[in-house]
PDB file of all heavy atoms in Angstrom:
ATOM      1  N   PRO A   1      94.411  94.303 111.751  1.00  0.00           N
ATOM      2  CA  PRO A   1      94.955  94.081 113.098  1.00  0.00           C
ATOM      3  C   PRO A   1      94.224  94.936 114.130  1.00  0.00           C
ATOM      4  O   PRO A   1      93.661  95.989 113.809  1.00  0.00           O
ATOM      5  CB  PRO A   1      96.422  94.496 112.970  1.00  0.00           C
ATOM      6  CG  PRO A   1      96.517  95.289 111.726  1.00  0.00           C
ATOM      7  CD  PRO A   1      95.375  94.919 110.853  1.00  0.00           C
ATOM      8  N   ILE A   2      94.251  94.468 115.362  1.00  0.00           N
ATOM      9  CA  ILE A   2      93.611  95.186 116.466  1.00  0.00           C
ATOM     10  C   ILE A   2      94.663  96.039 117.172  1.00  0.00           C
ATOM     11  O   ILE A   2      95.765  95.581 117.467  1.00  0.00           O
ATOM     12  CB  ILE A   2      92.961  94.214 117.462  1.00  0.00           C
ATOM     13  CG1 ILE A   2      91.843  93.434 116.757  1.00  0.00           C
ATOM     14  CG2 ILE A   2      92.428  94.955 118.680  1.00  0.00           C
ATOM     15  CD1 ILE A   2      91.239  92.324 117.598  1.00  0.00           C
ATOM     16  N   TYR A   3      94.271  97.285 117.429  1.00  0.00           N
ATOM     17  CA  TYR A   3      95.097  98.233 118.170  1.00  0.00           C
ATOM     18  C   TYR A   3      94.296  98.704 119.378  1.00  0.00           C
ATOM     19  O   TYR A   3      93.068  98.656 119.382  1.00  0.00           O
ATOM     20  CB  TYR A   3      95.449  99.448 117.300  1.00  0.00           C
ATOM     21  CG  TYR A   3      96.361  99.132 116.151  1.00  0.00           C
ATOM     22  CD1 TYR A   3      95.856  98.657 114.950  1.00  0.00           C
ATOM     23  CD2 TYR A   3      97.732  99.306 116.264  1.00  0.00           C
ATOM     24  CE1 TYR A   3      96.688  98.358 113.889  1.00  0.00           C
ATOM     25  CE2 TYR A   3      98.584  99.018 115.204  1.00  0.00           C
ATOM     26  CZ  TYR A   3      98.052  98.539 114.023  1.00  0.00           C
ATOM     27  OH  TYR A   3      98.880  98.252 112.972  1.00  0.00           O
ATOM     28  N   LEU A   4      95.020  99.178 120.391  1.00  0.00           N
ATOM     29  CA  LEU A   4      94.375  99.736 121.583  1.00  0.00           C
ATOM     30  C   LEU A   4      94.800 101.192 121.733  1.00  0.00           C
ATOM     31  O   LEU A   4      95.958 101.538 121.462  1.00  0.00           O
ATOM     32  CB  LEU A   4      94.778  98.952 122.826  1.00  0.00           C
ATOM     33  CG  LEU A   4      94.384  97.474 122.811  1.00  0.00           C
ATOM     34  CD1 LEU A   4      95.041  96.736 123.958  1.00  0.00           C
ATOM     35  CD2 LEU A   4      92.887  97.315 122.874  1.00  0.00           C
ATOM     36  N   VAL A   5      93.868 102.031 122.163  1.00  0.00           N
ATOM     37  CA  VAL A   5      94.174 103.440 122.402  1.00  0.00           C
ATOM     38  C   VAL A   5      95.127 103.498 123.592  1.00  0.00           C
ATOM     39  O   VAL A   5      94.788 103.049 124.687  1.00  0.00           O
ATOM     40  CB  VAL A   5      92.889 104.256 122.669  1.00  0.00           C
ATOM     41  CG1 VAL A   5      93.238 105.703 122.998  1.00  0.00           C
ATOM     42  CG2 VAL A   5      91.947 104.184 121.468  1.00  0.00           C
ATOM     43  N   ALA A   6      96.328 104.037 123.368  1.00  0.00           N
ATOM     44  CA  ALA A   6      97.404 103.946 124.347  1.00  0.00           C
ATOM     45  C   ALA A   6      97.725 105.260 125.045  1.00  0.00           C
ATOM     46  O   ALA A   6      98.699 105.340 125.793  1.00  0.00           O
ATOM     47  CB  ALA A   6      98.664 103.408 123.671  1.00  0.00           C
ATOM     48  N   ASN A   7      96.933 106.276 124.805  1.00  0.00           N
ATOM     49  CA  ASN A   7      97.123 107.553 125.471  1.00  0.00           C
ATOM     50  C   ASN A   7      95.868 108.380 125.258  1.00  0.00           C
ATOM     51  O   ASN A   7      95.002 108.001 124.468  1.00  0.00           O
ATOM     52  CB  ASN A   7      98.352 108.287 124.939  1.00  0.00           C
ATOM     53  CG  ASN A   7      99.061 109.099 126.006  1.00  0.00           C
ATOM     54  OD1 ASN A   7      98.438 109.582 126.945  1.00  0.00           O
ATOM     55  ND2 ASN A   7     100.362 109.248 125.862  1.00  0.00           N
ATOM     56  N   ILE A   8      95.781 109.503 125.923  1.00  0.00           N
ATOM     57  CA  ILE A   8      94.642 110.391 125.731  1.00  0.00           C
ATOM     58  C   ILE A   8      94.760 111.005 124.339  1.00  0.00           C
ATOM     59  O   ILE A   8      95.804 111.571 124.004  1.00  0.00           O
ATOM     60  CB  ILE A   8      94.631 111.484 126.810  1.00  0.00           C
ATOM     61  CG1 ILE A   8      94.465 110.849 128.190  1.00  0.00           C
ATOM     62  CG2 ILE A   8      93.539 112.510 126.532  1.00  0.00           C
ATOM     63  CD1 ILE A   8      94.666 111.806 129.334  1.00  0.00           C
ATOM     64  N   PRO A   9      93.728 110.877 123.496  1.00  0.00           N
ATOM     65  CA  PRO A   9      93.791 111.513 122.170  1.00  0.00           C
ATOM     66  C   PRO A   9      93.982 113.024 122.325  1.00  0.00           C
ATOM     67  O   PRO A   9      93.422 113.654 123.225  1.00  0.00           O
ATOM     68  CB  PRO A   9      92.431 111.183 121.549  1.00  0.00           C
ATOM     69  CG  PRO A   9      92.007 109.922 122.240  1.00  0.00           C
ATOM     70  CD  PRO A   9      92.503 110.092 123.655  1.00  0.00           C
ATOM     71  N   LEU A  10      94.798 113.596 121.442  1.00  0.00           N
ATOM     72  CA  LEU A  10      95.102 115.023 121.502  1.00  0.00           C
ATOM     73  C   LEU A  10      94.502 115.743 120.305  1.00  0.00           C
ATOM     74  O   LEU A  10      94.680 115.319 119.166  1.00  0.00           O
ATOM     75  CB  LEU A  10      96.611 115.249 121.534  1.00  0.00           C
ATOM     76  CG  LEU A  10      97.351 114.685 122.730  1.00  0.00           C
ATOM     77  CD1 LEU A  10      98.845 114.907 122.584  1.00  0.00           C
ATOM     78  CD2 LEU A  10      96.851 115.308 124.024  1.00  0.00           C
ATOM     79  N   MET A  11      93.816 116.835 120.592  1.00  0.00           N
ATOM     80  CA  MET A  11      93.187 117.628 119.548  1.00  0.00           C
ATOM     81  C   MET A  11      94.002 118.906 119.367  1.00  0.00           C
ATOM     82  O   MET A  11      94.438 119.509 120.339  1.00  0.00           O
ATOM     83  CB  MET A  11      91.752 117.968 119.972  1.00  0.00           C
ATOM     84  CG  MET A  11      90.877 118.456 118.864  1.00  0.00           C
ATOM     85  SD  MET A  11      89.175 118.711 119.429  1.00  0.00           S
ATOM     86  CE  MET A  11      88.612 117.016 119.582  1.00  0.00           C
ATOM     87  N   GLN A  12      94.209 119.303 118.110  1.00  0.00           N
ATOM     88  CA  GLN A  12      94.921 120.545 117.845  1.00  0.00           C
ATOM     89  C   GLN A  12      94.313 121.238 116.636  1.00  0.00           C
ATOM     90  O   GLN A  12      93.679 120.605 115.793  1.00  0.00           O
ATOM     91  CB  GLN A  12      96.413 120.294 117.632  1.00  0.00           C
ATOM     92  CG  GLN A  12      96.746 119.517 116.366  1.00  0.00           C
ATOM     93  CD  GLN A  12      98.217 119.168 116.285  1.00  0.00           C
ATOM     94  OE1 GLN A  12      98.624 118.159 116.830  1.00  0.00           O
ATOM     95  NE2 GLN A  12      98.986 119.989 115.607  1.00  0.00           N
ATOM     96  N   GLU A  13      94.511 122.546 116.579  1.00  0.00           N
ATOM     97  CA  GLU A  13      94.016 123.331 115.455  1.00  0.00           C
ATOM     98  C   GLU A  13      95.104 123.388 114.394  1.00  0.00           C
ATOM     99  O   GLU A  13      96.278 123.613 114.710  1.00  0.00           O
ATOM    100  CB  GLU A  13      93.662 124.736 115.946  1.00  0.00           C
ATOM    101  CG  GLU A  13      92.919 125.567 114.938  1.00  0.00           C
ATOM    102  CD  GLU A  13      92.513 126.908 115.509  1.00  0.00           C
ATOM    103  OE1 GLU A  13      93.405 127.759 115.703  1.00  0.00           O
ATOM    104  OE2 GLU A  13      91.326 127.100 115.757  1.00  0.00           O
ATOM    105  N   ILE A  14      94.713 123.173 113.141  1.00  0.00           N
ATOM    106  CA  ILE A  14      95.657 123.202 112.019  1.00  0.00           C
ATOM    107  C   ILE A  14      95.050 124.026 110.886  1.00  0.00           C
ATOM    108  O   ILE A  14      93.866 124.366 110.915  1.00  0.00           O
ATOM    109  CB  ILE A  14      95.978 121.780 111.500  1.00  0.00           C
ATOM    110  CG1 ILE A  14      94.694 121.075 111.005  1.00  0.00           C
ATOM    111  CG2 ILE A  14      96.686 120.957 112.571  1.00  0.00           C
ATOM    112  CD1 ILE A  14      94.936 119.787 110.255  1.00  0.00           C
ATOM    113  N   GLU A  15      95.859 124.328 109.883  1.00  0.00           N
ATOM    114  CA  GLU A  15      95.344 124.964 108.677  1.00  0.00           C
ATOM    115  C   GLU A  15      94.527 123.934 107.911  1.00  0.00           C
ATOM    116  O   GLU A  15      94.956 122.791 107.744  1.00  0.00           O
ATOM    117  CB  GLU A  15      96.496 125.477 107.804  1.00  0.00           C
ATOM    118  CG  GLU A  15      97.301 126.592 108.429  1.00  0.00           C
ATOM    119  CD  GLU A  15      96.496 127.863 108.643  1.00  0.00           C
ATOM    120  OE1 GLU A  15      95.654 128.201 107.775  1.00  0.00           O
ATOM    121  OE2 GLU A  15      96.696 128.507 109.684  1.00  0.00           O
ATOM    122  N   ASP A  16      93.374 124.328 107.437  1.00  0.00           N
ATOM    123  CA  ASP A  16      92.516 123.425 106.662  1.00  0.00           C
ATOM    124  C   ASP A  16      93.091 123.301 105.260  1.00  0.00           C
ATOM    125  O   ASP A  16      93.204 124.284 104.532  1.00  0.00           O
ATOM    126  CB  ASP A  16      91.090 123.957 106.615  1.00  0.00           C
ATOM    127  CG  ASP A  16      90.103 122.936 106.086  1.00  0.00           C
ATOM    128  OD1 ASP A  16      90.487 122.116 105.228  1.00  0.00           O
ATOM    129  OD2 ASP A  16      88.943 122.971 106.529  1.00  0.00           O
ATOM    130  N   THR A  17      93.472 122.095 104.879  1.00  0.00           N
ATOM    131  CA  THR A  17      94.068 121.881 103.552  1.00  0.00           C
ATOM    132  C   THR A  17      93.037 122.007 102.436  1.00  0.00           C
ATOM    133  O   THR A  17      93.397 122.211 101.284  1.00  0.00           O
ATOM    134  CB  THR A  17      94.724 120.489 103.478  1.00  0.00           C
ATOM    135  OG1 THR A  17      93.748 119.500 103.811  1.00  0.00           O
ATOM    136  CG2 THR A  17      95.897 120.391 104.441  1.00  0.00           C
ATOM    137  N   ASP A  18      91.751 121.907 102.784  1.00  0.00           N
ATOM    138  CA  ASP A  18      90.693 122.016 101.776  1.00  0.00           C
ATOM    139  C   ASP A  18      90.222 123.444 101.563  1.00  0.00           C
ATOM    140  O   ASP A  18      89.723 123.779 100.490  1.00  0.00           O
ATOM    141  CB  ASP A  18      89.483 121.152 102.170  1.00  0.00           C
ATOM    142  CG  ASP A  18      89.803 119.669 102.179  1.00  0.00           C
ATOM    143  OD1 ASP A  18      90.720 119.255 101.443  1.00  0.00           O
ATOM    144  OD2 ASP A  18      89.149 118.931 102.929  1.00  0.00           O
ATOM    145  N   ILE A  19      90.350 124.286 102.587  1.00  0.00           N
ATOM    146  CA  ILE A  19      89.854 125.662 102.515  1.00  0.00           C
ATOM    147  C   ILE A  19      90.978 126.603 102.972  1.00  0.00           C
ATOM    148  O   ILE A  19      91.175 126.801 104.173  1.00  0.00           O
ATOM    149  CB  ILE A  19      88.601 125.854 103.401  1.00  0.00           C
ATOM    150  CG1 ILE A  19      87.544 124.788 103.084  1.00  0.00           C
ATOM    151  CG2 ILE A  19      88.036 127.255 103.214  1.00  0.00           C
ATOM    152  CD1 ILE A  19      86.392 124.760 104.063  1.00  0.00           C
ATOM    153  N   PRO A  20      91.723 127.180 102.023  1.00  0.00           N
ATOM    154  CA  PRO A  20      92.820 128.088 102.394  1.00  0.00           C
ATOM    155  C   PRO A  20      92.330 129.236 103.295  1.00  0.00           C
ATOM    156  O   PRO A  20      91.251 129.790 103.091  1.00  0.00           O
ATOM    157  CB  PRO A  20      93.311 128.628 101.045  1.00  0.00           C
ATOM    158  CG  PRO A  20      92.878 127.590 100.052  1.00  0.00           C
ATOM    159  CD  PRO A  20      91.585 127.033 100.577  1.00  0.00           C
ATOM    160  N   GLY A  21      93.113 129.532 104.320  1.00  0.00           N
ATOM    161  CA  GLY A  21      92.781 130.599 105.245  1.00  0.00           C
ATOM    162  C   GLY A  21      91.850 130.188 106.368  1.00  0.00           C
ATOM    163  O   GLY A  21      91.577 130.977 107.267  1.00  0.00           O
ATOM    164  N   LYS A  22      91.361 128.968 106.360  1.00  0.00           N
ATOM    165  CA  LYS A  22      90.473 128.469 107.416  1.00  0.00           C
ATOM    166  C   LYS A  22      91.226 127.467 108.285  1.00  0.00           C
ATOM    167  O   LYS A  22      92.224 126.888 107.875  1.00  0.00           O
ATOM    168  CB  LYS A  22      89.226 127.789 106.818  1.00  0.00           C
ATOM    169  CG  LYS A  22      88.330 128.721 106.066  1.00  0.00           C
ATOM    170  CD  LYS A  22      87.548 129.584 107.023  1.00  0.00           C
ATOM    171  CE  LYS A  22      86.544 130.423 106.258  1.00  0.00           C
ATOM    172  NZ  LYS A  22      85.751 131.238 107.136  1.00  0.00           N
ATOM    173  N   LYS A  23      90.704 127.264 109.471  1.00  0.00           N
ATOM    174  CA  LYS A  23      91.279 126.304 110.405  1.00  0.00           C
ATOM    175  C   LYS A  23      90.475 125.014 110.410  1.00  0.00           C
ATOM    176  O   LYS A  23      89.300 124.993 110.052  1.00  0.00           O
ATOM    177  CB  LYS A  23      91.297 126.880 111.827  1.00  0.00           C
ATOM    178  CG  LYS A  23      92.107 128.148 111.970  1.00  0.00           C
ATOM    179  CD  LYS A  23      93.566 127.859 111.873  1.00  0.00           C
ATOM    180  CE  LYS A  23      94.349 129.137 112.163  1.00  0.00           C
ATOM    181  NZ  LYS A  23      95.761 128.964 111.979  1.00  0.00           N
ATOM    182  N   ALA A  24      91.111 123.954 110.813  1.00  0.00           N
ATOM    183  CA  ALA A  24      90.470 122.651 110.975  1.00  0.00           C
ATOM    184  C   ALA A  24      90.984 122.048 112.284  1.00  0.00           C
ATOM    185  O   ALA A  24      91.953 122.528 112.866  1.00  0.00           O
ATOM    186  CB  ALA A  24      90.787 121.734 109.805  1.00  0.00           C
ATOM    187  N   ILE A  25      90.340 120.993 112.723  1.00  0.00           N
ATOM    188  CA  ILE A  25      90.756 120.277 113.925  1.00  0.00           C
ATOM    189  C   ILE A  25      91.435 118.968 113.504  1.00  0.00           C
ATOM    190  O   ILE A  25      90.951 118.263 112.621  1.00  0.00           O
ATOM    191  CB  ILE A  25      89.534 119.954 114.814  1.00  0.00           C
ATOM    192  CG1 ILE A  25      88.882 121.235 115.325  1.00  0.00           C
ATOM    193  CG2 ILE A  25      89.919 119.037 115.969  1.00  0.00           C
ATOM    194  CD1 ILE A  25      89.751 122.067 116.243  1.00  0.00           C
ATOM    195  N   LEU A  26      92.561 118.677 114.137  1.00  0.00           N
ATOM    196  CA  LEU A  26      93.259 117.409 113.934  1.00  0.00           C
ATOM    197  C   LEU A  26      93.206 116.642 115.245  1.00  0.00           C
ATOM    198  O   LEU A  26      93.635 117.148 116.291  1.00  0.00           O
ATOM    199  CB  LEU A  26      94.715 117.649 113.521  1.00  0.00           C
ATOM    200  CG  LEU A  26      95.584 116.408 113.405  1.00  0.00           C
ATOM    201  CD1 LEU A  26      95.094 115.499 112.286  1.00  0.00           C
ATOM    202  CD2 LEU A  26      97.037 116.800 113.175  1.00  0.00           C
ATOM    203  N   LEU A  27      92.637 115.437 115.199  1.00  0.00           N
ATOM    204  CA  LEU A  27      92.600 114.572 116.378  1.00  0.00           C
ATOM    205  C   LEU A  27      93.660 113.494 116.205  1.00  0.00           C
ATOM    206  O   LEU A  27      93.568 112.648 115.313  1.00  0.00           O
ATOM    207  CB  LEU A  27      91.211 113.937 116.545  1.00  0.00           C
ATOM    208  CG  LEU A  27      91.059 113.020 117.760  1.00  0.00           C
ATOM    209  CD1 LEU A  27      91.237 113.815 119.060  1.00  0.00           C
ATOM    210  CD2 LEU A  27      89.705 112.329 117.737  1.00  0.00           C
ATOM    211  N   ASN A  28      94.708 113.566 117.040  1.00  0.00           N
ATOM    212  CA  ASN A  28      95.775 112.569 117.040  1.00  0.00           C
ATOM    213  C   ASN A  28      95.405 111.463 118.021  1.00  0.00           C
ATOM    214  O   ASN A  28      95.194 111.726 119.206  1.00  0.00           O
ATOM    215  CB  ASN A  28      97.100 113.195 117.477  1.00  0.00           C
ATOM    216  CG  ASN A  28      97.624 114.177 116.468  1.00  0.00           C
ATOM    217  OD1 ASN A  28      97.912 113.822 115.336  1.00  0.00           O
ATOM    218  ND2 ASN A  28      97.735 115.433 116.869  1.00  0.00           N
ATOM    219  N   VAL A  29      95.318 110.235 117.507  1.00  0.00           N
ATOM    220  CA  VAL A  29      94.995 109.081 118.338  1.00  0.00           C
ATOM    221  C   VAL A  29      96.226 108.179 118.375  1.00  0.00           C
ATOM    222  O   VAL A  29      96.700 107.726 117.335  1.00  0.00           O
ATOM    223  CB  VAL A  29      93.773 108.312 117.788  1.00  0.00           C
ATOM    224  CG1 VAL A  29      93.479 107.100 118.650  1.00  0.00           C
ATOM    225  CG2 VAL A  29      92.565 109.234 117.710  1.00  0.00           C
ATOM    226  N   TYR A  30      96.741 107.946 119.590  1.00  0.00           N
ATOM    227  CA  TYR A  30      97.945 107.149 119.778  1.00  0.00           C
ATOM    228  C   TYR A  30      97.556 105.724 120.130  1.00  0.00           C
ATOM    229  O   TYR A  30      96.846 105.489 121.100  1.00  0.00           O
ATOM    230  CB  TYR A  30      98.816 107.769 120.874  1.00  0.00           C
ATOM    231  CG  TYR A  30      99.285 109.150 120.493  1.00  0.00           C
ATOM    232  CD1 TYR A  30      98.543 110.275 120.832  1.00  0.00           C
ATOM    233  CD2 TYR A  30     100.447 109.321 119.754  1.00  0.00           C
ATOM    234  CE1 TYR A  30      98.957 111.544 120.457  1.00  0.00           C
ATOM    235  CE2 TYR A  30     100.868 110.584 119.380  1.00  0.00           C
ATOM    236  CZ  TYR A  30     100.116 111.691 119.737  1.00  0.00           C
ATOM    237  OH  TYR A  30     100.524 112.943 119.359  1.00  0.00           O
ATOM    238  N   LEU A  31      98.045 104.787 119.342  1.00  0.00           N
ATOM    239  CA  LEU A  31      97.663 103.381 119.454  1.00  0.00           C
ATOM    240  C   LEU A  31      98.861 102.493 119.729  1.00  0.00           C
ATOM    241  O   LEU A  31     100.010 102.890 119.510  1.00  0.00           O
ATOM    242  CB  LEU A  31      96.991 102.930 118.149  1.00  0.00           C
ATOM    243  CG  LEU A  31      95.791 103.751 117.679  1.00  0.00           C
ATOM    244  CD1 LEU A  31      95.404 103.364 116.257  1.00  0.00           C
ATOM    245  CD2 LEU A  31      94.625 103.566 118.626  1.00  0.00           C
ATOM    246  N   VAL A  32      98.565 101.267 120.163  1.00  0.00           N
ATOM    247  CA  VAL A  32      99.561 100.207 120.347  1.00  0.00           C
ATOM    248  C   VAL A  32      98.951  98.938 119.784  1.00  0.00           C
ATOM    249  O   VAL A  32      97.753  98.684 119.959  1.00  0.00           O
ATOM    250  CB  VAL A  32      99.873 100.009 121.853  1.00  0.00           C
ATOM    251  CG1 VAL A  32     100.710  98.773 122.076  1.00  0.00           C
ATOM    252  CG2 VAL A  32     100.544 101.212 122.430  1.00  0.00           C
ATOM    253  N   LYS A  33      99.766  98.141 119.121  1.00  0.00           N
ATOM    254  CA  LYS A  33      99.281  96.836 118.656  1.00  0.00           C
ATOM    255  C   LYS A  33      98.834  96.021 119.863  1.00  0.00           C
ATOM    256  O   LYS A  33      99.479  96.035 120.915  1.00  0.00           O
ATOM    257  CB  LYS A  33     100.381  96.087 117.911  1.00  0.00           C
ATOM    258  CG  LYS A  33     100.700  96.684 116.569  1.00  0.00           C
ATOM    259  CD  LYS A  33     101.775  95.881 115.871  1.00  0.00           C
ATOM    260  CE  LYS A  33     102.119  96.514 114.536  1.00  0.00           C
ATOM    261  NZ  LYS A  33     103.195  95.798 113.858  1.00  0.00           N
ATOM    262  N   GLU A  34      97.738  95.310 119.688  1.00  0.00           N
ATOM    263  CA  GLU A  34      97.173  94.534 120.794  1.00  0.00           C
ATOM    264  C   GLU A  34      98.212  93.613 121.437  1.00  0.00           C
ATOM    265  O   GLU A  34      98.293  93.519 122.673  1.00  0.00           O
ATOM    266  CB  GLU A  34      95.975  93.725 120.293  1.00  0.00           C
ATOM    267  CG  GLU A  34      95.302  92.919 121.369  1.00  0.00           C
ATOM    268  CD  GLU A  34      94.143  92.086 120.834  1.00  0.00           C
ATOM    269  OE1 GLU A  34      94.297  91.455 119.765  1.00  0.00           O
ATOM    270  OE2 GLU A  34      93.099  92.084 121.487  1.00  0.00           O
ATOM    271  N   GLU A  35      99.023  92.959 120.629  1.00  0.00           N
ATOM    272  CA  GLU A  35      99.992  92.002 121.176  1.00  0.00           C
ATOM    273  C   GLU A  35     101.144  92.678 121.934  1.00  0.00           C
ATOM    274  O   GLU A  35     101.897  92.015 122.645  1.00  0.00           O
ATOM    275  CB  GLU A  35     100.545  91.088 120.077  1.00  0.00           C
ATOM    276  CG  GLU A  35     101.286  91.801 118.971  1.00  0.00           C
ATOM    277  CD  GLU A  35     100.407  92.206 117.793  1.00  0.00           C
ATOM    278  OE1 GLU A  35      99.176  92.261 117.924  1.00  0.00           O
ATOM    279  OE2 GLU A  35     100.976  92.485 116.726  1.00  0.00           O
ATOM    280  N   CYS A  36     101.276  94.006 121.821  1.00  0.00           N
ATOM    281  CA  CYS A  36     102.332  94.744 122.523  1.00  0.00           C
ATOM    282  C   CYS A  36     101.821  95.470 123.758  1.00  0.00           C
ATOM    283  O   CYS A  36     102.610  96.044 124.516  1.00  0.00           O
ATOM    284  CB  CYS A  36     102.977  95.757 121.578  1.00  0.00           C
ATOM    285  SG  CYS A  36     103.751  95.016 120.142  1.00  0.00           S
ATOM    286  N   TRP A  37     100.520  95.460 123.983  1.00  0.00           N
ATOM    287  CA  TRP A  37      99.880  96.242 125.041  1.00  0.00           C
ATOM    288  C   TRP A  37     100.524  96.020 126.406  1.00  0.00           C
ATOM    289  O   TRP A  37     100.755  96.964 127.171  1.00  0.00           O
ATOM    290  CB  TRP A  37      98.388  95.904 125.081  1.00  0.00           C
ATOM    291  CG  TRP A  37      97.614  96.620 126.135  1.00  0.00           C
ATOM    292  CD1 TRP A  37      97.128  96.085 127.293  1.00  0.00           C
ATOM    293  CD2 TRP A  37      97.221  97.992 126.151  1.00  0.00           C
ATOM    294  NE1 TRP A  37      96.442  97.041 128.010  1.00  0.00           N
ATOM    295  CE2 TRP A  37      96.489  98.215 127.326  1.00  0.00           C
ATOM    296  CE3 TRP A  37      97.415  99.057 125.262  1.00  0.00           C
ATOM    297  CZ2 TRP A  37      95.953  99.455 127.647  1.00  0.00           C
ATOM    298  CZ3 TRP A  37      96.882 100.290 125.587  1.00  0.00           C
ATOM    299  CH2 TRP A  37      96.166 100.476 126.761  1.00  0.00           C
ATOM    300  N   ASP A  38     100.838  94.782 126.769  1.00  0.00           N
ATOM    301  CA  ASP A  38     101.372  94.477 128.100  1.00  0.00           C
ATOM    302  C   ASP A  38     102.758  95.075 128.351  1.00  0.00           C
ATOM    303  O   ASP A  38     103.189  95.154 129.499  1.00  0.00           O
ATOM    304  CB  ASP A  38     101.424  92.967 128.325  1.00  0.00           C
ATOM    305  CG  ASP A  38     100.034  92.364 128.457  1.00  0.00           C
ATOM    306  OD1 ASP A  38      99.085  93.106 128.794  1.00  0.00           O
ATOM    307  OD2 ASP A  38      99.890  91.150 128.211  1.00  0.00           O
ATOM    308  N   TYR A  39     103.463  95.503 127.307  1.00  0.00           N
ATOM    309  CA  TYR A  39     104.792  96.090 127.463  1.00  0.00           C
ATOM    310  C   TYR A  39     104.728  97.589 127.783  1.00  0.00           C
ATOM    311  O   TYR A  39     105.748  98.198 128.091  1.00  0.00           O
ATOM    312  CB  TYR A  39     105.628  95.883 126.199  1.00  0.00           C
ATOM    313  CG  TYR A  39     105.847  94.426 125.884  1.00  0.00           C
ATOM    314  CD1 TYR A  39     105.196  93.832 124.808  1.00  0.00           C
ATOM    315  CD2 TYR A  39     106.693  93.649 126.668  1.00  0.00           C
ATOM    316  CE1 TYR A  39     105.385  92.483 124.522  1.00  0.00           C
ATOM    317  CE2 TYR A  39     106.884  92.293 126.386  1.00  0.00           C
ATOM    318  CZ  TYR A  39     106.225  91.730 125.314  1.00  0.00           C
ATOM    319  OH  TYR A  39     106.411  90.395 125.032  1.00  0.00           O
ATOM    320  N   PHE A  40     103.552  98.177 127.695  1.00  0.00           N
ATOM    321  CA  PHE A  40     103.386  99.611 127.887  1.00  0.00           C
ATOM    322  C   PHE A  40     102.809  99.911 129.270  1.00  0.00           C
ATOM    323  O   PHE A  40     101.781  99.353 129.647  1.00  0.00           O
ATOM    324  CB  PHE A  40     102.446 100.193 126.811  1.00  0.00           C
ATOM    325  CG  PHE A  40     103.090 100.341 125.471  1.00  0.00           C
ATOM    326  CD1 PHE A  40     103.329  99.227 124.673  1.00  0.00           C
ATOM    327  CD2 PHE A  40     103.461 101.588 124.996  1.00  0.00           C
ATOM    328  CE1 PHE A  40     103.930  99.359 123.437  1.00  0.00           C
ATOM    329  CE2 PHE A  40     104.062 101.722 123.760  1.00  0.00           C
ATOM    330  CZ  PHE A  40     104.296 100.613 122.979  1.00  0.00           C
ATOM    331  N   ASP A  41     103.491 100.788 130.008  1.00  0.00           N
ATOM    332  CA  ASP A  41     102.963 101.249 131.295  1.00  0.00           C
ATOM    333  C   ASP A  41     101.841 102.247 131.040  1.00  0.00           C
ATOM    334  O   ASP A  41     101.740 102.844 129.966  1.00  0.00           O
ATOM    335  CB  ASP A  41     104.062 101.946 132.106  1.00  0.00           C
ATOM    336  CG  ASP A  41     105.135 100.976 132.575  1.00  0.00           C
ATOM    337  OD1 ASP A  41     104.814  99.787 132.773  1.00  0.00           O
ATOM    338  OD2 ASP A  41     106.292 101.411 132.728  1.00  0.00           O
TER     339      ASP A  41
END
């Protein structure tokens, strides 16, 4: 299915699950189904 980016992606620092004691970046991308796009301001 096709989705559209529905907000500014947000980046945050998290604990790296692969390397204990290190940090990683998490990029949260907020989407909307294409057929629902017109309902979102």
